[in-house]
Amino acid sequence: MKNKKKLITLLAVVAIALGIVFAIKKFYPTVDKQQGNKQITIIINNLEGKEIFNKTYSTDAEYLDKLLEEHAEELQLDISEVGEYGRSVNGLCGLVTEDWNIGPWWIYESENSECCKTNGFCPSVDTCIILDGEIYIFKFISY
């Protein structure tokens, strides 16, 4: 009788553990990294929504922040260190967020990024895995 209770308890623990693993995979899906060279397009729009930059880069970077850092001088990149919510883009093409309380701020989006589609939104640039052919649009916005 004791062995049967132990077996049932063990099976229950295993079932709960498997349930947690499946729940994590469902709610936190992943994108597989792509090794090697890929072509990534970066588009930058100013506060008025006008496109001020559009270029396709060849890169071996796996994450969006690393691609941006490779071309930091050309992009006039100002990027934060890793914080509570990941890395933030503070400035591009000479447009810089001066006050995080009032903006304007940098956001980015992509219609063909697997990372953005998988998450349902575009995450911080240091967690966004980039794949060949993706296009990222950075927008300087204010509300």
Foldseek 3Di string as FASTA:
>chain_A
DVVVVVVVVVVVVVVVVVVVVVVCCQQPPDDDFDADKAKEWEWEAEAVRHTDDIDIDIDRDFFQVVVCVVCCVVQVWDKDCQDPQGIFTQDGPPDGFPDPVFFQGKDKFWPPQPQCVSNVHDGHRRRRTGDHPTYMYIYRYGD
